[in-house]
Amino acid sequence: MNKQRINKKRSKLGRIIAGASALIIIGVLISLTIAFMGNPISASIANKDIKKYITQTYPKQEMEIARKAKYNFKDKTYTVLIKVKAKPEVSFYVAWKNGKIDYDEYDFVMEQLEGKKTK
């Protein structure tokens, strides 16, 4: 009778340890995935914030999101590719980080295009 109790306790303890180990492994895998691929909820927020930023910053130009937010794990930003509808050759990136716009390449791209036209 005592052997059965000991075996039940061991099997119950084994299941608890296995369950806890599985949760830890799943947690580590999710953390690694988010660290390298980004958080899909943050990507969605970045898309909305950048769209709002573009319409407020460049109200006279018609622009569209050509590529939705992609995560860059090196600098921890979400970048969106924007295209100017009136000028198909003009596309630039806007980056979002920690709830705000990190950088906008529009001015840089326009300077580069102006430099090519004058040469």
PDB file of N, CA and C in Angstrom:
ATOM      1  N   MET A   1       0.808  -1.187   0.000  1.00  0.00           N
ATOM      2  CA  MET A   1       0.000   0.000   0.000  1.00  0.00           C
ATOM      3  C   MET A   1       0.859   1.262   0.000  1.00  0.00           C
ATOM      4  N   ASN A   2       1.927   1.256   0.767  1.00  0.00           N
ATOM      5  CA  ASN A   2       2.818   2.411   0.813  1.00  0.00           C
ATOM      6  C   ASN A   2       3.511   2.641  -0.516  1.00  0.00           C
ATOM      7  N   LYS A   3       3.820   1.540  -1.239  1.00  0.00           N
ATOM      8  CA  LYS A   3       4.475   1.674  -2.550  1.00  0.00           C
ATOM      9  C   LYS A   3       3.560   2.393  -3.539  1.00  0.00           C
ATOM     10  N   GLN A   4       2.258   2.106  -3.484  1.00  0.00           N
ATOM     11  CA  GLN A   4       1.310   2.753  -4.383  1.00  0.00           C
ATOM     12  C   GLN A   4       1.226   4.254  -4.092  1.00  0.00           C
ATOM     13  N   ARG A   5       1.216   4.626  -2.831  1.00  0.00           N
ATOM     14  CA  ARG A   5       1.173   6.042  -2.466  1.00  0.00           C
ATOM     15  C   ARG A   5       2.426   6.766  -2.945  1.00  0.00           C
ATOM     16  N   ILE A   6       3.562   6.142  -2.764  1.00  0.00           N
ATOM     17  CA  ILE A   6       4.826   6.742  -3.203  1.00  0.00           C
ATOM     18  C   ILE A   6       4.837   6.903  -4.713  1.00  0.00           C
ATOM     19  N   ASN A   7       4.394   5.880  -5.449  1.00  0.00           N
ATOM     20  CA  ASN A   7       4.351   5.956  -6.915  1.00  0.00           C
ATOM     21  C   ASN A   7       3.382   7.037  -7.388  1.00  0.00           C
ATOM     22  N   LYS A   8       2.216   7.177  -6.716  1.00  0.00           N
ATOM     23  CA  LYS A   8       1.258   8.216  -7.087  1.00  0.00           C
ATOM     24  C   LYS A   8       1.847   9.603  -6.852  1.00  0.00           C
ATOM     25  N   LYS A   9       2.528   9.764  -5.718  1.00  0.00           N
ATOM     26  CA  LYS A   9       3.149  11.055  -5.415  1.00  0.00           C
ATOM     27  C   LYS A   9       4.226  11.383  -6.441  1.00  0.00           C
ATOM     28  N   ARG A  10       5.029  10.368  -6.808  1.00  0.00           N
ATOM     29  CA  ARG A  10       6.089  10.580  -7.801  1.00  0.00           C
ATOM     30  C   ARG A  10       5.494  10.933  -9.161  1.00  0.00           C
ATOM     31  N   SER A  11       4.433  10.221  -9.581  1.00  0.00           N
ATOM     32  CA  SER A  11       3.855  10.497 -10.889  1.00  0.00           C
ATOM     33  C   SER A  11       3.189  11.877 -10.915  1.00  0.00           C
ATOM     34  N   LYS A  12       2.546  12.259  -9.810  1.00  0.00           N
ATOM     35  CA  LYS A  12       1.939  13.586  -9.734  1.00  0.00           C
ATOM     36  C   LYS A  12       3.025  14.662  -9.763  1.00  0.00           C
ATOM     37  N   LEU A  13       4.085  14.463  -9.026  1.00  0.00           N
ATOM     38  CA  LEU A  13       5.205  15.407  -9.025  1.00  0.00           C
ATOM     39  C   LEU A  13       5.839  15.472 -10.409  1.00  0.00           C
ATOM     40  N   GLY A  14       5.958  14.340 -11.069  1.00  0.00           N
ATOM     41  CA  GLY A  14       6.519  14.298 -12.424  1.00  0.00           C
ATOM     42  C   GLY A  14       5.674  15.085 -13.410  1.00  0.00           C
ATOM     43  N   ARG A  15       4.337  14.960 -13.297  1.00  0.00           N
ATOM     44  CA  ARG A  15       3.446  15.716 -14.184  1.00  0.00           C
ATOM     45  C   ARG A  15       3.543  17.217 -13.912  1.00  0.00           C
ATOM     46  N   ILE A  16       3.652  17.583 -12.665  1.00  0.00           N
ATOM     47  CA  ILE A  16       3.789  19.005 -12.314  1.00  0.00           C
ATOM     48  C   ILE A  16       5.088  19.567 -12.882  1.00  0.00           C
ATOM     49  N   ILE A  17       6.169  18.835 -12.734  1.00  0.00           N
ATOM     50  CA  ILE A  17       7.468  19.280 -13.254  1.00  0.00           C
ATOM     51  C   ILE A  17       7.430  19.356 -14.776  1.00  0.00           C
ATOM     52  N   ALA A  18       6.819  18.351 -15.423  1.00  0.00           N
ATOM     53  CA  ALA A  18       6.717  18.355 -16.888  1.00  0.00           C
ATOM     54  C   ALA A  18       5.879  19.539 -17.369  1.00  0.00           C
ATOM     55  N   GLY A  19       4.779  19.814 -16.705  1.00  0.00           N
ATOM     56  CA  GLY A  19       3.933  20.946 -17.077  1.00  0.00           C
ATOM     57  C   GLY A  19       4.643  22.279 -16.900  1.00  0.00           C
ATOM     58  N   ALA A  20       5.332  22.419 -15.772  1.00  0.00           N
ATOM     59  CA  ALA A  20       6.073  23.660 -15.521  1.00  0.00           C
ATOM     60  C   ALA A  20       7.196  23.830 -16.540  1.00  0.00           C
ATOM     61  N   SER A  21       7.868  22.746 -16.864  1.00  0.00           N
ATOM     62  CA  SER A  21       8.945  22.800 -17.861  1.00  0.00           C
ATOM     63  C   SER A  21       8.393  23.204 -19.231  1.00  0.00           C
ATOM     64  N   ALA A  22       7.254  22.632 -19.606  1.00  0.00           N
ATOM     65  CA  ALA A  22       6.628  22.972 -20.886  1.00  0.00           C
ATOM     66  C   ALA A  22       6.263  24.449 -20.935  1.00  0.00           C
ATOM     67  N   LEU A  23       5.704  24.989 -19.859  1.00  0.00           N
ATOM     68  CA  LEU A  23       5.347  26.411 -19.812  1.00  0.00           C
ATOM     69  C   LEU A  23       6.582  27.299 -19.925  1.00  0.00           C
ATOM     70  N   ILE A  24       7.645  26.909 -19.274  1.00  0.00           N
ATOM     71  CA  ILE A  24       8.886  27.681 -19.345  1.00  0.00           C
ATOM     72  C   ILE A  24       9.437  27.669 -20.763  1.00  0.00           C
ATOM     73  N   ILE A  25       9.462  26.506 -21.402  1.00  0.00           N
ATOM     74  CA  ILE A  25       9.969  26.401 -22.778  1.00  0.00           C
ATOM     75  C   ILE A  25       9.108  27.233 -23.726  1.00  0.00           C
ATOM     76  N   ILE A  26       7.794  27.152 -23.594  1.00  0.00           N
ATOM     77  CA  ILE A  26       6.895  27.942 -24.446  1.00  0.00           C
ATOM     78  C   ILE A  26       7.124  29.435 -24.222  1.00  0.00           C
ATOM     79  N   GLY A  27       7.282  29.841 -22.975  1.00  0.00           N
ATOM     80  CA  GLY A  27       7.547  31.247 -22.675  1.00  0.00           C
ATOM     81  C   GLY A  27       8.838  31.746 -23.288  1.00  0.00           C
ATOM     82  N   VAL A  28       9.882  30.937 -23.216  1.00  0.00           N
ATOM     83  CA  VAL A  28      11.173  31.304 -23.801  1.00  0.00           C
ATOM     84  C   VAL A  28      11.051  31.413 -25.322  1.00  0.00           C
ATOM     85  N   LEU A  29      10.356  30.469 -25.953  1.00  0.00           N
ATOM     86  CA  LEU A  29      10.190  30.499 -27.411  1.00  0.00           C
ATOM     87  C   LEU A  29       9.397  31.727 -27.859  1.00  0.00           C
ATOM     88  N   ILE A  30       8.345  32.061 -27.131  1.00  0.00           N
ATOM     89  CA  ILE A  30       7.563  33.264 -27.469  1.00  0.00           C
ATOM     90  C   ILE A  30       8.416  34.517 -27.302  1.00  0.00           C
ATOM     91  N   SER A  31       9.183  34.587 -26.236  1.00  0.00           N
ATOM     92  CA  SER A  31      10.050  35.754 -26.004  1.00  0.00           C
ATOM     93  C   SER A  31      11.087  35.903 -27.113  1.00  0.00           C
ATOM     94  N   LEU A  32      11.692  34.809 -27.522  1.00  0.00           N
ATOM     95  CA  LEU A  32      12.686  34.859 -28.607  1.00  0.00           C
ATOM     96  C   LEU A  32      12.039  35.269 -29.929  1.00  0.00           C
ATOM     97  N   THR A  33      10.857  34.738 -30.199  1.00  0.00           N
ATOM     98  CA  THR A  33      10.162  35.101 -31.438  1.00  0.00           C
ATOM     99  C   THR A  33       9.849  36.587 -31.462  1.00  0.00           C
ATOM    100  N   ILE A  34       9.343  37.122 -30.370  1.00  0.00           N
ATOM    101  CA  ILE A  34       9.026  38.550 -30.320  1.00  0.00           C
ATOM    102  C   ILE A  34      10.289  39.394 -30.402  1.00  0.00           C
ATOM    103  N   ALA A  35      11.376  38.928 -29.810  1.00  0.00           N
ATOM    104  CA  ALA A  35      12.633  39.683 -29.839  1.00  0.00           C
ATOM    105  C   ALA A  35      13.166  39.828 -31.265  1.00  0.00           C
ATOM    106  N   PHE A  36      12.971  38.803 -32.098  1.00  0.00           N
ATOM    107  CA  PHE A  36      13.523  38.851 -33.451  1.00  0.00           C
ATOM    108  C   PHE A  36      12.495  39.210 -34.523  1.00  0.00           C
ATOM    109  N   MET A  37      11.223  38.909 -34.291  1.00  0.00           N
ATOM    110  CA  MET A  37      10.195  39.143 -35.304  1.00  0.00           C
ATOM    111  C   MET A  37       9.287  40.333 -34.974  1.00  0.00           C
ATOM    112  N   GLY A  38       9.296  40.766 -33.734  1.00  0.00           N
ATOM    113  CA  GLY A  38       8.452  41.873 -33.328  1.00  0.00           C
ATOM    114  C   GLY A  38       7.102  41.398 -32.837  1.00  0.00           C
ATOM    115  N   ASN A  39       6.396  42.300 -32.200  1.00  0.00           N
ATOM    116  CA  ASN A  39       5.089  42.018 -31.631  1.00  0.00           C
ATOM    117  C   ASN A  39       4.019  42.418 -32.650  1.00  0.00           C
ATOM    118  N   PRO A  40       3.139  41.509 -33.043  1.00  0.00           N
ATOM    119  CA  PRO A  40       2.129  41.860 -34.045  1.00  0.00           C
ATOM    120  C   PRO A  40       1.186  42.979 -33.592  1.00  0.00           C
ATOM    121  N   ILE A  41       0.938  43.081 -32.309  1.00  0.00           N
ATOM    122  CA  ILE A  41       0.084  44.165 -31.810  1.00  0.00           C
ATOM    123  C   ILE A  41       0.799  45.503 -31.977  1.00  0.00           C
ATOM    124  N   SER A  42       2.087  45.548 -31.654  1.00  0.00           N
ATOM    125  CA  SER A  42       2.869  46.777 -31.843  1.00  0.00           C
ATOM    126  C   SER A  42       2.962  47.144 -33.318  1.00  0.00           C
ATOM    127  N   ALA A  43       3.076  46.149 -34.185  1.00  0.00           N
ATOM    128  CA  ALA A  43       3.134  46.415 -35.629  1.00  0.00           C
ATOM    129  C   ALA A  43       1.838  47.068 -36.102  1.00  0.00           C
ATOM    130  N   SER A  44       0.724  46.599 -35.610  1.00  0.00           N
ATOM    131  CA  SER A  44      -0.571  47.179 -35.973  1.00  0.00           C
ATOM    132  C   SER A  44      -0.685  48.618 -35.479  1.00  0.00           C
ATOM    133  N   ILE A  45      -0.241  48.858 -34.263  1.00  0.00           N
ATOM    134  CA  ILE A  45      -0.256  50.221 -33.711  1.00  0.00           C
ATOM    135  C   ILE A  45       0.676  51.122 -34.526  1.00  0.00           C
ATOM    136  N   ALA A  46       1.843  50.605 -34.906  1.00  0.00           N
ATOM    137  CA  ALA A  46       2.788  51.379 -35.715  1.00  0.00           C
ATOM    138  C   ALA A  46       2.160  51.767 -37.054  1.00  0.00           C
ATOM    139  N   ASN A  47       1.475  50.826 -37.707  1.00  0.00           N
ATOM    140  CA  ASN A  47       0.807  51.130 -38.978  1.00  0.00           C
ATOM    141  C   ASN A  47      -0.193  52.271 -38.820  1.00  0.00           C
ATOM    142  N   LYS A  48      -1.011  52.207 -37.773  1.00  0.00           N
ATOM    143  CA  LYS A  48      -2.019  53.249 -37.541  1.00  0.00           C
ATOM    144  C   LYS A  48      -1.370  54.591 -37.234  1.00  0.00           C
ATOM    145  N   ASP A  49      -0.354  54.589 -36.366  1.00  0.00           N
ATOM    146  CA  ASP A  49       0.321  55.838 -35.997  1.00  0.00           C
ATOM    147  C   ASP A  49       1.028  56.468 -37.195  1.00  0.00           C
ATOM    148  N   ILE A  50       1.670  55.639 -38.002  1.00  0.00           N
ATOM    149  CA  ILE A  50       2.400  56.171 -39.164  1.00  0.00           C
ATOM    150  C   ILE A  50       1.425  56.717 -40.202  1.00  0.00           C
ATOM    151  N   LYS A  51       0.306  56.035 -40.402  1.00  0.00           N
ATOM    152  CA  LYS A  51      -0.699  56.545 -41.347  1.00  0.00           C
ATOM    153  C   LYS A  51      -1.211  57.904 -40.886  1.00  0.00           C
ATOM    154  N   LYS A  52      -1.476  58.039 -39.601  1.00  0.00           N
ATOM    155  CA  LYS A  52      -1.929  59.312 -39.039  1.00  0.00           C
ATOM    156  C   LYS A  52      -0.845  60.386 -39.193  1.00  0.00           C
ATOM    157  N   TYR A  53       0.411  60.012 -38.928  1.00  0.00           N
ATOM    158  CA  TYR A  53       1.538  60.936 -39.056  1.00  0.00           C
ATOM    159  C   TYR A  53       1.672  61.442 -40.495  1.00  0.00           C
ATOM    160  N   ILE A  54       1.566  60.539 -41.455  1.00  0.00           N
ATOM    161  CA  ILE A  54       1.710  60.913 -42.870  1.00  0.00           C
ATOM    162  C   ILE A  54       0.612  61.892 -43.283  1.00  0.00           C
ATOM    163  N   THR A  55      -0.626  61.622 -42.894  1.00  0.00           N
ATOM    164  CA  THR A  55      -1.723  62.515 -43.280  1.00  0.00           C
ATOM    165  C   THR A  55      -1.604  63.885 -42.610  1.00  0.00           C
ATOM    166  N   GLN A  56      -1.045  63.938 -41.402  1.00  0.00           N
ATOM    167  CA  GLN A  56      -0.876  65.216 -40.715  1.00  0.00           C
ATOM    168  C   GLN A  56       0.355  65.976 -41.211  1.00  0.00           C
ATOM    169  N   THR A  57       1.437  65.258 -41.492  1.00  0.00           N
ATOM    170  CA  THR A  57       2.695  65.908 -41.875  1.00  0.00           C
ATOM    171  C   THR A  57       2.697  66.345 -43.339  1.00  0.00           C
ATOM    172  N   TYR A  58       2.074  65.554 -44.198  1.00  0.00           N
ATOM    173  CA  TYR A  58       2.053  65.852 -45.632  1.00  0.00           C
ATOM    174  C   TYR A  58       0.601  65.896 -46.129  1.00  0.00           C
ATOM    175  N   PRO A  59      -0.176  66.888 -45.667  1.00  0.00           N
ATOM    176  CA  PRO A  59      -1.603  66.908 -46.014  1.00  0.00           C
ATOM    177  C   PRO A  59      -1.887  67.183 -47.490  1.00  0.00           C
ATOM    178  N   LYS A  60      -0.972  67.838 -48.174  1.00  0.00           N
ATOM    179  CA  LYS A  60      -1.208  68.196 -49.574  1.00  0.00           C
ATOM    180  C   LYS A  60      -0.818  67.089 -50.546  1.00  0.00           C
ATOM    181  N   GLN A  61      -0.139  66.072 -50.054  1.00  0.00           N
ATOM    182  CA  GLN A  61       0.306  64.994 -50.928  1.00  0.00           C
ATOM    183  C   GLN A  61      -0.484  63.727 -50.641  1.00  0.00           C
ATOM    184  N   GLU A  62      -0.814  63.041 -51.698  1.00  0.00           N
ATOM    185  CA  GLU A  62      -1.519  61.780 -51.545  1.00  0.00           C
ATOM    186  C   GLU A  62      -0.486  60.664 -51.453  1.00  0.00           C
ATOM    187  N   MET A  63      -0.468  59.992 -50.306  1.00  0.00           N
ATOM    188  CA  MET A  63       0.515  58.929 -50.073  1.00  0.00           C
ATOM    189  C   MET A  63      -0.212  57.667 -49.629  1.00  0.00           C
ATOM    190  N   GLU A  64       0.460  56.551 -49.849  1.00  0.00           N
ATOM    191  CA  GLU A  64      -0.115  55.276 -49.430  1.00  0.00           C
ATOM    192  C   GLU A  64       0.964  54.393 -48.813  1.00  0.00           C
ATOM    193  N   ILE A  65       0.523  53.491 -47.959  1.00  0.00           N
ATOM    194  CA  ILE A  65       1.441  52.523 -47.361  1.00  0.00           C
ATOM    195  C   ILE A  65       1.681  51.426 -48.390  1.00  0.00           C
ATOM    196  N   ALA A  66       2.932  51.319 -48.831  1.00  0.00           N
ATOM    197  CA  ALA A  66       3.292  50.310 -49.830  1.00  0.00           C
ATOM    198  C   ALA A  66       3.666  48.986 -49.174  1.00  0.00           C
ATOM    199  N   ARG A  67       4.185  49.062 -47.951  1.00  0.00           N
ATOM    200  CA  ARG A  67       4.543  47.844 -47.208  1.00  0.00           C
ATOM    201  C   ARG A  67       4.255  48.101 -45.743  1.00  0.00           C
ATOM    202  N   LYS A  68       3.481  47.232 -45.158  1.00  0.00           N
ATOM    203  CA  LYS A  68       3.121  47.394 -43.749  1.00  0.00           C
ATOM    204  C   LYS A  68       4.349  47.239 -42.857  1.00  0.00           C
ATOM    205  N   ALA A  69       4.174  47.555 -41.606  1.00  0.00           N
ATOM    206  CA  ALA A  69       5.272  47.601 -40.637  1.00  0.00           C
ATOM    207  C   ALA A  69       6.047  46.288 -40.555  1.00  0.00           C
ATOM    208  N   LYS A  70       7.339  46.411 -40.659  1.00  0.00           N
ATOM    209  CA  LYS A  70       8.278  45.295 -40.470  1.00  0.00           C
ATOM    210  C   LYS A  70       9.173  45.658 -39.300  1.00  0.00           C
ATOM    211  N   TYR A  71       9.500  44.667 -38.492  1.00  0.00           N
ATOM    212  CA  TYR A  71      10.307  44.900 -37.306  1.00  0.00           C
ATOM    213  C   TYR A  71      11.787  44.778 -37.630  1.00  0.00           C
ATOM    214  N   ASN A  72      12.569  45.722 -37.160  1.00  0.00           N
ATOM    215  CA  ASN A  72      14.020  45.678 -37.299  1.00  0.00           C
ATOM    216  C   ASN A  72      14.594  45.456 -35.900  1.00  0.00           C
ATOM    217  N   PHE A  73      15.054  44.234 -35.643  1.00  0.00           N
ATOM    218  CA  PHE A  73      15.524  43.907 -34.292  1.00  0.00           C
ATOM    219  C   PHE A  73      16.831  44.597 -33.938  1.00  0.00           C
ATOM    220  N   LYS A  74      17.561  45.099 -34.921  1.00  0.00           N
ATOM    221  CA  LYS A  74      18.833  45.773 -34.628  1.00  0.00           C
ATOM    222  C   LYS A  74      18.618  47.092 -33.885  1.00  0.00           C
ATOM    223  N   ASP A  75      17.648  47.875 -34.346  1.00  0.00           N
ATOM    224  CA  ASP A  75      17.392  49.147 -33.661  1.00  0.00           C
ATOM    225  C   ASP A  75      16.009  49.188 -33.002  1.00  0.00           C
ATOM    226  N   LYS A  76      15.315  48.049 -32.992  1.00  0.00           N
ATOM    227  CA  LYS A  76      14.021  47.891 -32.321  1.00  0.00           C
ATOM    228  C   LYS A  76      12.968  48.877 -32.822  1.00  0.00           C
ATOM    229  N   THR A  77      12.918  49.064 -34.143  1.00  0.00           N
ATOM    230  CA  THR A  77      11.914  49.934 -34.742  1.00  0.00           C
ATOM    231  C   THR A  77      11.032  49.134 -35.695  1.00  0.00           C
ATOM    232  N   TYR A  78       9.853  49.677 -35.944  1.00  0.00           N
ATOM    233  CA  TYR A  78       8.957  49.155 -36.969  1.00  0.00           C
ATOM    234  C   TYR A  78       9.016  50.153 -38.117  1.00  0.00           C
ATOM    235  N   THR A  79       9.350  49.696 -39.307  1.00  0.00           N
ATOM    236  CA  THR A  79       9.448  50.593 -40.454  1.00  0.00           C
ATOM    237  C   THR A  79       8.338  50.289 -41.455  1.00  0.00           C
ATOM    238  N   VAL A  80       7.830  51.357 -42.060  1.00  0.00           N
ATOM    239  CA  VAL A  80       6.776  51.261 -43.054  1.00  0.00           C
ATOM    240  C   VAL A  80       7.268  51.954 -44.314  1.00  0.00           C
ATOM    241  N   LEU A  81       7.051  51.323 -45.461  1.00  0.00           N
ATOM    242  CA  LEU A  81       7.413  51.918 -46.744  1.00  0.00           C
ATOM    243  C   LEU A  81       6.222  52.726 -47.254  1.00  0.00           C
ATOM    244  N   ILE A  82       6.466  53.995 -47.558  1.00  0.00           N
ATOM    245  CA  ILE A  82       5.432  54.910 -48.024  1.00  0.00           C
ATOM    246  C   ILE A  82       5.727  55.281 -49.472  1.00  0.00           C
ATOM    247  N   LYS A  83       4.696  55.315 -50.302  1.00  0.00           N
ATOM    248  CA  LYS A  83       4.842  55.749 -51.694  1.00  0.00           C
ATOM    249  C   LYS A  83       3.986  56.981 -51.927  1.00  0.00           C
ATOM    250  N   VAL A  84       4.534  57.900 -52.731  1.00  0.00           N
ATOM    251  CA  VAL A  84       3.801  59.103 -53.117  1.00  0.00           C
ATOM    252  C   VAL A  84       3.057  58.759 -54.401  1.00  0.00           C
ATOM    253  N   LYS A  85       1.733  58.882 -54.385  1.00  0.00           N
ATOM    254  CA  LYS A  85       0.924  58.465 -55.539  1.00  0.00           C
ATOM    255  C   LYS A  85       1.222  59.291 -56.791  1.00  0.00           C
ATOM    256  N   ALA A  86       1.437  60.606 -56.620  1.00  0.00           N
ATOM    257  CA  ALA A  86       1.677  61.484 -57.771  1.00  0.00           C
ATOM    258  C   ALA A  86       3.058  61.267 -58.384  1.00  0.00           C
ATOM    259  N   LYS A  87       3.995  60.764 -57.592  1.00  0.00           N
ATOM    260  CA  LYS A  87       5.366  60.528 -58.058  1.00  0.00           C
ATOM    261  C   LYS A  87       5.732  59.081 -57.760  1.00  0.00           C
ATOM    262  N   PRO A  88       5.492  58.167 -58.683  1.00  0.00           N
ATOM    263  CA  PRO A  88       5.743  56.747 -58.414  1.00  0.00           C
ATOM    264  C   PRO A  88       7.199  56.422 -58.098  1.00  0.00           C
ATOM    265  N   GLU A  89       8.118  57.286 -58.522  1.00  0.00           N
ATOM    266  CA  GLU A  89       9.538  57.032 -58.240  1.00  0.00           C
ATOM    267  C   GLU A  89       9.925  57.383 -56.806  1.00  0.00           C
ATOM    268  N   VAL A  90       9.028  58.066 -56.085  1.00  0.00           N
ATOM    269  CA  VAL A  90       9.332  58.495 -54.718  1.00  0.00           C
ATOM    270  C   VAL A  90       8.723  57.518 -53.709  1.00  0.00           C
ATOM    271  N   SER A  91       9.606  56.893 -52.976  1.00  0.00           N
ATOM    272  CA  SER A  91       9.178  56.059 -51.848  1.00  0.00           C
ATOM    273  C   SER A  91      10.187  56.272 -50.726  1.00  0.00           C
ATOM    274  N   PHE A  92       9.714  56.184 -49.514  1.00  0.00           N
ATOM    275  CA  PHE A  92      10.581  56.440 -48.364  1.00  0.00           C
ATOM    276  C   PHE A  92      10.069  55.659 -47.157  1.00  0.00           C
ATOM    277  N   TYR A  93      10.921  55.559 -46.161  1.00  0.00           N
ATOM    278  CA  TYR A  93      10.578  54.830 -44.949  1.00  0.00           C
ATOM    279  C   TYR A  93      10.276  55.793 -43.811  1.00  0.00           C
ATOM    280  N   VAL A  94       9.328  55.368 -42.988  1.00  0.00           N
ATOM    281  CA  VAL A  94       9.031  56.049 -41.729  1.00  0.00           C
ATOM    282  C   VAL A  94       9.170  54.980 -40.653  1.00  0.00           C
ATOM    283  N   ALA A  95       9.897  55.309 -39.594  1.00  0.00           N
ATOM    284  CA  ALA A  95      10.135  54.339 -38.526  1.00  0.00           C
ATOM    285  C   ALA A  95       9.397  54.763 -37.256  1.00  0.00           C
ATOM    286  N   TRP A  96       8.908  53.770 -36.537  1.00  0.00           N
ATOM    287  CA  TRP A  96       8.148  53.962 -35.300  1.00  0.00           C
ATOM    288  C   TRP A  96       8.829  53.178 -34.198  1.00  0.00           C
ATOM    289  N   LYS A  97       8.999  53.825 -33.042  1.00  0.00           N
ATOM    290  CA  LYS A  97       9.663  53.159 -31.918  1.00  0.00           C
ATOM    291  C   LYS A  97       9.094  53.694 -30.610  1.00  0.00           C
ATOM    292  N   ASN A  98       8.752  52.804 -29.707  1.00  0.00           N
ATOM    293  CA  ASN A  98       8.257  53.171 -28.373  1.00  0.00           C
ATOM    294  C   ASN A  98       7.088  54.157 -28.413  1.00  0.00           C
ATOM    295  N   GLY A  99       6.180  53.952 -29.341  1.00  0.00           N
ATOM    296  CA  GLY A  99       4.970  54.771 -29.376  1.00  0.00           C
ATOM    297  C   GLY A  99       5.083  56.099 -30.078  1.00  0.00           C
ATOM    298  N   LYS A 100       6.203  56.369 -30.746  1.00  0.00           N
ATOM    299  CA  LYS A 100       6.326  57.635 -31.470  1.00  0.00           C
ATOM    300  C   LYS A 100       7.167  57.440 -32.729  1.00  0.00           C
ATOM    301  N   ILE A 101       7.096  58.429 -33.611  1.00  0.00           N
ATOM    302  CA  ILE A 101       7.856  58.371 -34.854  1.00  0.00           C
ATOM    303  C   ILE A 101       9.330  58.560 -34.523  1.00  0.00           C
ATOM    304  N   ASP A 102      10.147  57.627 -35.012  1.00  0.00           N
ATOM    305  CA  ASP A 102      11.590  57.680 -34.739  1.00  0.00           C
ATOM    306  C   ASP A 102      12.305  58.477 -35.824  1.00  0.00           C
ATOM    307  N   TYR A 103      11.989  58.195 -37.074  1.00  0.00           N
ATOM    308  CA  TYR A 103      12.555  58.988 -38.176  1.00  0.00           C
ATOM    309  C   TYR A 103      11.683  58.878 -39.411  1.00  0.00           C
ATOM    310  N   ASP A 104      11.879  59.854 -40.301  1.00  0.00           N
ATOM    311  CA  ASP A 104      11.115  59.968 -41.537  1.00  0.00           C
ATOM    312  C   ASP A 104      12.134  60.316 -42.627  1.00  0.00           C
ATOM    313  N   GLU A 105      12.213  59.504 -43.675  1.00  0.00           N
ATOM    314  CA  GLU A 105      13.234  59.696 -44.717  1.00  0.00           C
ATOM    315  C   GLU A 105      12.768  60.562 -45.888  1.00  0.00           C
ATOM    316  N   TYR A 106      11.597  61.147 -45.816  1.00  0.00           N
ATOM    317  CA  TYR A 106      11.057  61.893 -46.950  1.00  0.00           C
ATOM    318  C   TYR A 106      11.995  63.010 -47.414  1.00  0.00           C
ATOM    319  N   ASP A 107      12.437  63.855 -46.489  1.00  0.00           N
ATOM    320  CA  ASP A 107      13.311  64.973 -46.863  1.00  0.00           C
ATOM    321  C   ASP A 107      14.612  64.477 -47.493  1.00  0.00           C
ATOM    322  N   PHE A 108      15.189  63.422 -46.940  1.00  0.00           N
ATOM    323  CA  PHE A 108      16.421  62.859 -47.477  1.00  0.00           C
ATOM    324  C   PHE A 108      16.215  62.355 -48.901  1.00  0.00           C
ATOM    325  N   VAL A 109      15.127  61.637 -49.123  1.00  0.00           N
ATOM    326  CA  VAL A 109      14.840  61.098 -50.460  1.00  0.00           C
ATOM    327  C   VAL A 109      14.626  62.232 -51.449  1.00  0.00           C
ATOM    328  N   MET A 110      13.901  63.257 -51.051  1.00  0.00           N
ATOM    329  CA  MET A 110      13.650  64.386 -51.954  1.00  0.00           C
ATOM    330  C   MET A 110      14.949  65.132 -52.284  1.00  0.00           C
ATOM    331  N   GLU A 111      15.827  65.288 -51.303  1.00  0.00           N
ATOM    332  CA  GLU A 111      17.126  65.917 -51.560  1.00  0.00           C
ATOM    333  C   GLU A 111      17.933  65.094 -52.561  1.00  0.00           C
ATOM    334  N   GLN A 112      17.911  63.791 -52.418  1.00  0.00           N
ATOM    335  CA  GLN A 112      18.638  62.915 -53.327  1.00  0.00           C
ATOM    336  C   GLN A 112      18.067  63.020 -54.758  1.00  0.00           C
ATOM    337  N   LEU A 113      16.770  63.066 -54.879  1.00  0.00           N
ATOM    338  CA  LEU A 113      16.160  63.201 -56.199  1.00  0.00           C
ATOM    339  C   LEU A 113      16.456  64.555 -56.820  1.00  0.00           C
ATOM    340  N   GLU A 114      16.442  65.602 -56.015  1.00  0.00           N
ATOM    341  CA  GLU A 114      16.767  66.939 -56.531  1.00  0.00           C
ATOM    342  C   GLU A 114      18.229  66.983 -56.971  1.00  0.00           C
ATOM    343  N   GLY A 115      19.106  66.356 -56.234  1.00  0.00           N
ATOM    344  CA  GLY A 115      20.524  66.307 -56.587  1.00  0.00           C
ATOM    345  C   GLY A 115      20.763  65.585 -57.893  1.00  0.00           C
ATOM    346  N   LYS A 116      20.019  64.546 -58.170  1.00  0.00           N
ATOM    347  CA  LYS A 116      20.154  63.803 -59.421  1.00  0.00           C
ATOM    348  C   LYS A 116      19.649  64.620 -60.606  1.00  0.00           C
ATOM    349  N   LYS A 117      18.604  65.424 -60.398  1.00  0.00           N
ATOM    350  CA  LYS A 117      18.036  66.221 -61.476  1.00  0.00           C
ATOM    351  C   LYS A 117      18.970  67.350 -61.885  1.00  0.00           C
ATOM    352  N   THR A 118      19.733  67.915 -60.920  1.00  0.00           N
ATOM    353  CA  THR A 118      20.595  69.044 -61.235  1.00  0.00           C
ATOM    354  C   THR A 118      21.927  68.611 -61.841  1.00  0.00           C
ATOM    355  N   LYS A 119      22.281  67.342 -61.729  1.00  0.00           N
ATOM    356  CA  LYS A 119      23.567  66.885 -62.256  1.00  0.00           C
ATOM    357  C   LYS A 119      23.532  66.615 -63.719  1.00  0.00           C
TER     358      LYS A 119
END
